[in-house]
Amino acid sequence: MTVAAQPSVRRALALLIGSGAAIVGMVLLVVCYTGIGVTTLTATNDDPDPCVEAYAAGTDDATVRYALVPPQAICTWDVDGEPTEVVVAAASVPLFATGAALAVGGVLVCGTLLITGRRRRQV
């Protein structure tokens, strides 16, 4: 007669909280990056910066690049032969930091619990 192992309520609760934190963190990060994209697309209507107007017109001396950390859109163009940068859109730093911490922390908690659970079963 074999006895089935009882699931740990604490482990299940920790997995639930960890996965929930990871999901909330990822949603916050998606909101940050999507907001930057939308703000960059509508920048020509809202705030007609010369760099953004030059980029929208398709001139070769204006480019838009995206930075991952901190999340922002940066327009670069040449003014009298010297590159000039303008931040077109930037995400809220506290929102980004909270999202990143929740996503990374939740994934680490879940990964640690899953790995330790498998190692215990193998012993």
C-alpha atoms as a PDB file:
ATOM      1  CA  MET A   1       0.000   0.000   0.000  1.00  0.00           C
ATOM      2  CA  THR A   2       1.518   3.311  -1.103  1.00  0.00           C
ATOM      3  CA  VAL A   3       0.630   6.647   0.362  1.00  0.00           C
ATOM      4  CA  ALA A   4       0.361   9.589  -2.015  1.00  0.00           C
ATOM      5  CA  ALA A   5       2.377  12.653  -1.065  1.00  0.00           C
ATOM      6  CA  GLN A   6       0.273  15.462   0.349  1.00  0.00           C
ATOM      7  CA  PRO A   7       0.634  18.721  -1.549  1.00  0.00           C
ATOM      8  CA  SER A   8       2.150  21.536   0.462  1.00  0.00           C
ATOM      9  CA  VAL A   9      -0.339  24.343   0.971  1.00  0.00           C
ATOM     10  CA  ARG A  10       2.452  26.814   1.688  1.00  0.00           C
ATOM     11  CA  ARG A  11       4.278  25.857  -1.504  1.00  0.00           C
ATOM     12  CA  ALA A  12       1.091  26.174  -3.557  1.00  0.00           C
ATOM     13  CA  LEU A  13       0.340  29.562  -2.007  1.00  0.00           C
ATOM     14  CA  ALA A  14       3.895  30.757  -2.689  1.00  0.00           C
ATOM     15  CA  LEU A  15       3.581  29.595  -6.315  1.00  0.00           C
ATOM     16  CA  LEU A  16       0.250  31.406  -6.632  1.00  0.00           C
ATOM     17  CA  ILE A  17       1.654  34.644  -5.213  1.00  0.00           C
ATOM     18  CA  GLY A  18       4.868  34.373  -7.257  1.00  0.00           C
ATOM     19  CA  SER A  19       3.066  33.718 -10.531  1.00  0.00           C
ATOM     20  CA  GLY A  20       0.573  36.493  -9.791  1.00  0.00           C
ATOM     21  CA  ALA A  21       3.398  38.946  -9.113  1.00  0.00           C
ATOM     22  CA  ALA A  22       5.134  37.912 -12.336  1.00  0.00           C
ATOM     23  CA  ILE A  23       1.956  38.412 -14.376  1.00  0.00           C
ATOM     24  CA  VAL A  24       1.242  41.827 -12.836  1.00  0.00           C
ATOM     25  CA  GLY A  25       4.866  42.861 -13.441  1.00  0.00           C
ATOM     26  CA  MET A  26       4.736  41.792 -17.079  1.00  0.00           C
ATOM     27  CA  VAL A  27       1.484  43.676 -17.603  1.00  0.00           C
ATOM     28  CA  LEU A  28       3.061  46.822 -16.127  1.00  0.00           C
ATOM     29  CA  LEU A  29       6.063  46.447 -18.460  1.00  0.00           C
ATOM     30  CA  VAL A  30       3.771  46.012 -21.467  1.00  0.00           C
ATOM     31  CA  VAL A  31       1.913  49.178 -20.435  1.00  0.00           C
ATOM     32  CA  CYS A  32       5.218  51.089 -20.206  1.00  0.00           C
ATOM     33  CA  TYR A  33       6.516  49.999 -23.610  1.00  0.00           C
ATOM     34  CA  THR A  34       3.148  50.307 -25.358  1.00  0.00           C
ATOM     35  CA  GLY A  35       2.735  53.806 -23.956  1.00  0.00           C
ATOM     36  CA  ILE A  36       6.094  54.817 -25.383  1.00  0.00           C
ATOM     37  CA  GLY A  37       5.152  53.462 -28.800  1.00  0.00           C
ATOM     38  CA  VAL A  38       1.794  55.220 -28.860  1.00  0.00           C
ATOM     39  CA  THR A  39       3.254  58.497 -27.613  1.00  0.00           C
ATOM     40  CA  THR A  40       5.967  58.346 -30.264  1.00  0.00           C
ATOM     41  CA  LEU A  41       3.426  57.716 -33.012  1.00  0.00           C
ATOM     42  CA  THR A  42       1.247  60.635 -31.940  1.00  0.00           C
ATOM     43  CA  ALA A  43       4.120  63.023 -31.190  1.00  0.00           C
ATOM     44  CA  THR A  44       3.804  64.814 -34.529  1.00  0.00           C
ATOM     45  CA  ASN A  45       0.241  65.842 -33.649  1.00  0.00           C
ATOM     46  CA  ASP A  46       0.709  66.646 -29.960  1.00  0.00           C
ATOM     47  CA  ASP A  47       4.114  68.355 -29.790  1.00  0.00           C
ATOM     48  CA  PRO A  48       5.600  69.269 -33.164  1.00  0.00           C
ATOM     49  CA  ASP A  49       9.290  69.050 -32.271  1.00  0.00           C
ATOM     50  CA  PRO A  50      11.555  69.789 -35.277  1.00  0.00           C
ATOM     51  CA  CYS A  51      13.282  66.408 -34.911  1.00  0.00           C
ATOM     52  CA  VAL A  52       9.994  64.522 -34.904  1.00  0.00           C
ATOM     53  CA  GLU A  53       8.725  66.549 -37.858  1.00  0.00           C
ATOM     54  CA  ALA A  54      11.921  65.786 -39.785  1.00  0.00           C
ATOM     55  CA  TYR A  55      11.559  62.098 -38.972  1.00  0.00           C
ATOM     56  CA  ALA A  56       7.896  62.085 -40.018  1.00  0.00           C
ATOM     57  CA  ALA A  57       8.819  63.801 -43.285  1.00  0.00           C
ATOM     58  CA  GLY A  58      11.290  61.000 -44.006  1.00  0.00           C
ATOM     59  CA  THR A  59      14.509  62.993 -44.035  1.00  0.00           C
ATOM     60  CA  ASP A  60      17.683  60.961 -43.714  1.00  0.00           C
ATOM     61  CA  ASP A  61      19.213  63.063 -40.957  1.00  0.00           C
ATOM     62  CA  ALA A  62      16.517  62.232 -38.360  1.00  0.00           C
ATOM     63  CA  THR A  63      16.155  58.839 -36.654  1.00  0.00           C
ATOM     64  CA  VAL A  64      14.155  57.515 -33.725  1.00  0.00           C
ATOM     65  CA  ARG A  65      15.615  54.818 -31.488  1.00  0.00           C
ATOM     66  CA  TYR A  66      14.174  53.088 -28.472  1.00  0.00           C
ATOM     67  CA  ALA A  67      16.060  52.488 -25.231  1.00  0.00           C
ATOM     68  CA  LEU A  68      15.054  49.502 -23.132  1.00  0.00           C
ATOM     69  CA  VAL A  69      16.278  50.720 -19.738  1.00  0.00           C
ATOM     70  CA  PRO A  70      15.050  53.313 -18.970  1.00  0.00           C
ATOM     71  CA  PRO A  71      12.266  52.865 -21.505  1.00  0.00           C
ATOM     72  CA  GLN A  72      12.196  55.868 -23.779  1.00  0.00           C
ATOM     73  CA  ALA A  73      12.067  56.953 -27.414  1.00  0.00           C
ATOM     74  CA  ILE A  74      14.887  59.242 -28.514  1.00  0.00           C
ATOM     75  CA  CYS A  75      14.878  61.261 -31.728  1.00  0.00           C
ATOM     76  CA  THR A  76      18.345  62.071 -33.109  1.00  0.00           C
ATOM     77  CA  TRP A  77      19.016  64.510 -35.912  1.00  0.00           C
ATOM     78  CA  ASP A  78      21.803  66.694 -37.250  1.00  0.00           C
ATOM     79  CA  VAL A  79      21.715  70.402 -36.492  1.00  0.00           C
ATOM     80  CA  ASP A  80      24.519  72.218 -38.309  1.00  0.00           C
ATOM     81  CA  GLY A  81      26.497  68.976 -38.557  1.00  0.00           C
ATOM     82  CA  GLU A  82      26.210  68.157 -34.848  1.00  0.00           C
ATOM     83  CA  PRO A  83      23.909  65.353 -33.639  1.00  0.00           C
ATOM     84  CA  THR A  84      21.146  66.534 -31.311  1.00  0.00           C
ATOM     85  CA  GLU A  85      18.968  64.210 -29.229  1.00  0.00           C
ATOM     86  CA  VAL A  86      15.422  64.854 -28.044  1.00  0.00           C
ATOM     87  CA  VAL A  87      13.495  62.494 -25.754  1.00  0.00           C
ATOM     88  CA  VAL A  88      10.165  62.034 -27.494  1.00  0.00           C
ATOM     89  CA  ALA A  89       8.576  59.719 -24.924  1.00  0.00           C
ATOM     90  CA  ALA A  90       9.639  58.182 -21.628  1.00  0.00           C
ATOM     91  CA  ALA A  91       7.892  55.765 -19.300  1.00  0.00           C
ATOM     92  CA  SER A  92       7.352  56.457 -15.630  1.00  0.00           C
ATOM     93  CA  VAL A  93      10.466  55.276 -13.800  1.00  0.00           C
ATOM     94  CA  PRO A  94       8.596  54.109 -10.654  1.00  0.00           C
ATOM     95  CA  LEU A  95       6.077  52.191 -12.783  1.00  0.00           C
ATOM     96  CA  PHE A  96       8.858  50.561 -14.809  1.00  0.00           C
ATOM     97  CA  ALA A  97      10.890  49.697 -11.684  1.00  0.00           C
ATOM     98  CA  THR A  98       7.843  48.176  -9.972  1.00  0.00           C
ATOM     99  CA  GLY A  99       6.963  46.140 -13.059  1.00  0.00           C
ATOM    100  CA  ALA A 100      10.515  44.889 -13.500  1.00  0.00           C
ATOM    101  CA  ALA A 101      10.855  43.968  -9.815  1.00  0.00           C
ATOM    102  CA  LEU A 102       7.537  42.102  -9.762  1.00  0.00           C
ATOM    103  CA  ALA A 103       8.250  40.255 -13.015  1.00  0.00           C
ATOM    104  CA  VAL A 104      11.782  39.194 -12.099  1.00  0.00           C
ATOM    105  CA  GLY A 105      10.920  38.437  -8.480  1.00  0.00           C
ATOM    106  CA  GLY A 106       7.869  36.373  -9.401  1.00  0.00           C
ATOM    107  CA  VAL A 107       9.757  34.341 -11.988  1.00  0.00           C
ATOM    108  CA  LEU A 108      12.616  33.716  -9.544  1.00  0.00           C
ATOM    109  CA  VAL A 109      10.242  32.610  -6.762  1.00  0.00           C
ATOM    110  CA  CYS A 110       8.363  30.225  -9.065  1.00  0.00           C
ATOM    111  CA  GLY A 111      11.551  28.866 -10.631  1.00  0.00           C
ATOM    112  CA  THR A 112      13.150  28.273  -7.235  1.00  0.00           C
ATOM    113  CA  LEU A 113      10.070  26.510  -5.873  1.00  0.00           C
ATOM    114  CA  LEU A 114       9.732  24.296  -8.943  1.00  0.00           C
ATOM    115  CA  ILE A 115      13.409  23.312  -8.957  1.00  0.00           C
ATOM    116  CA  THR A 116      13.516  22.572  -5.220  1.00  0.00           C
ATOM    117  CA  GLY A 117      10.282  20.546  -5.489  1.00  0.00           C
ATOM    118  CA  ARG A 118      11.742  18.345  -8.217  1.00  0.00           C
ATOM    119  CA  ARG A 119      14.976  17.825  -6.319  1.00  0.00           C
ATOM    120  CA  ARG A 120      13.067  16.710  -3.217  1.00  0.00           C
ATOM    121  CA  ARG A 121      11.115  14.144  -5.248  1.00  0.00           C
ATOM    122  CA  GLN A 122      14.308  12.711  -6.733  1.00  0.00           C
ATOM    123  CA  VAL A 123      15.894  12.120  -3.323  1.00  0.00           C
END
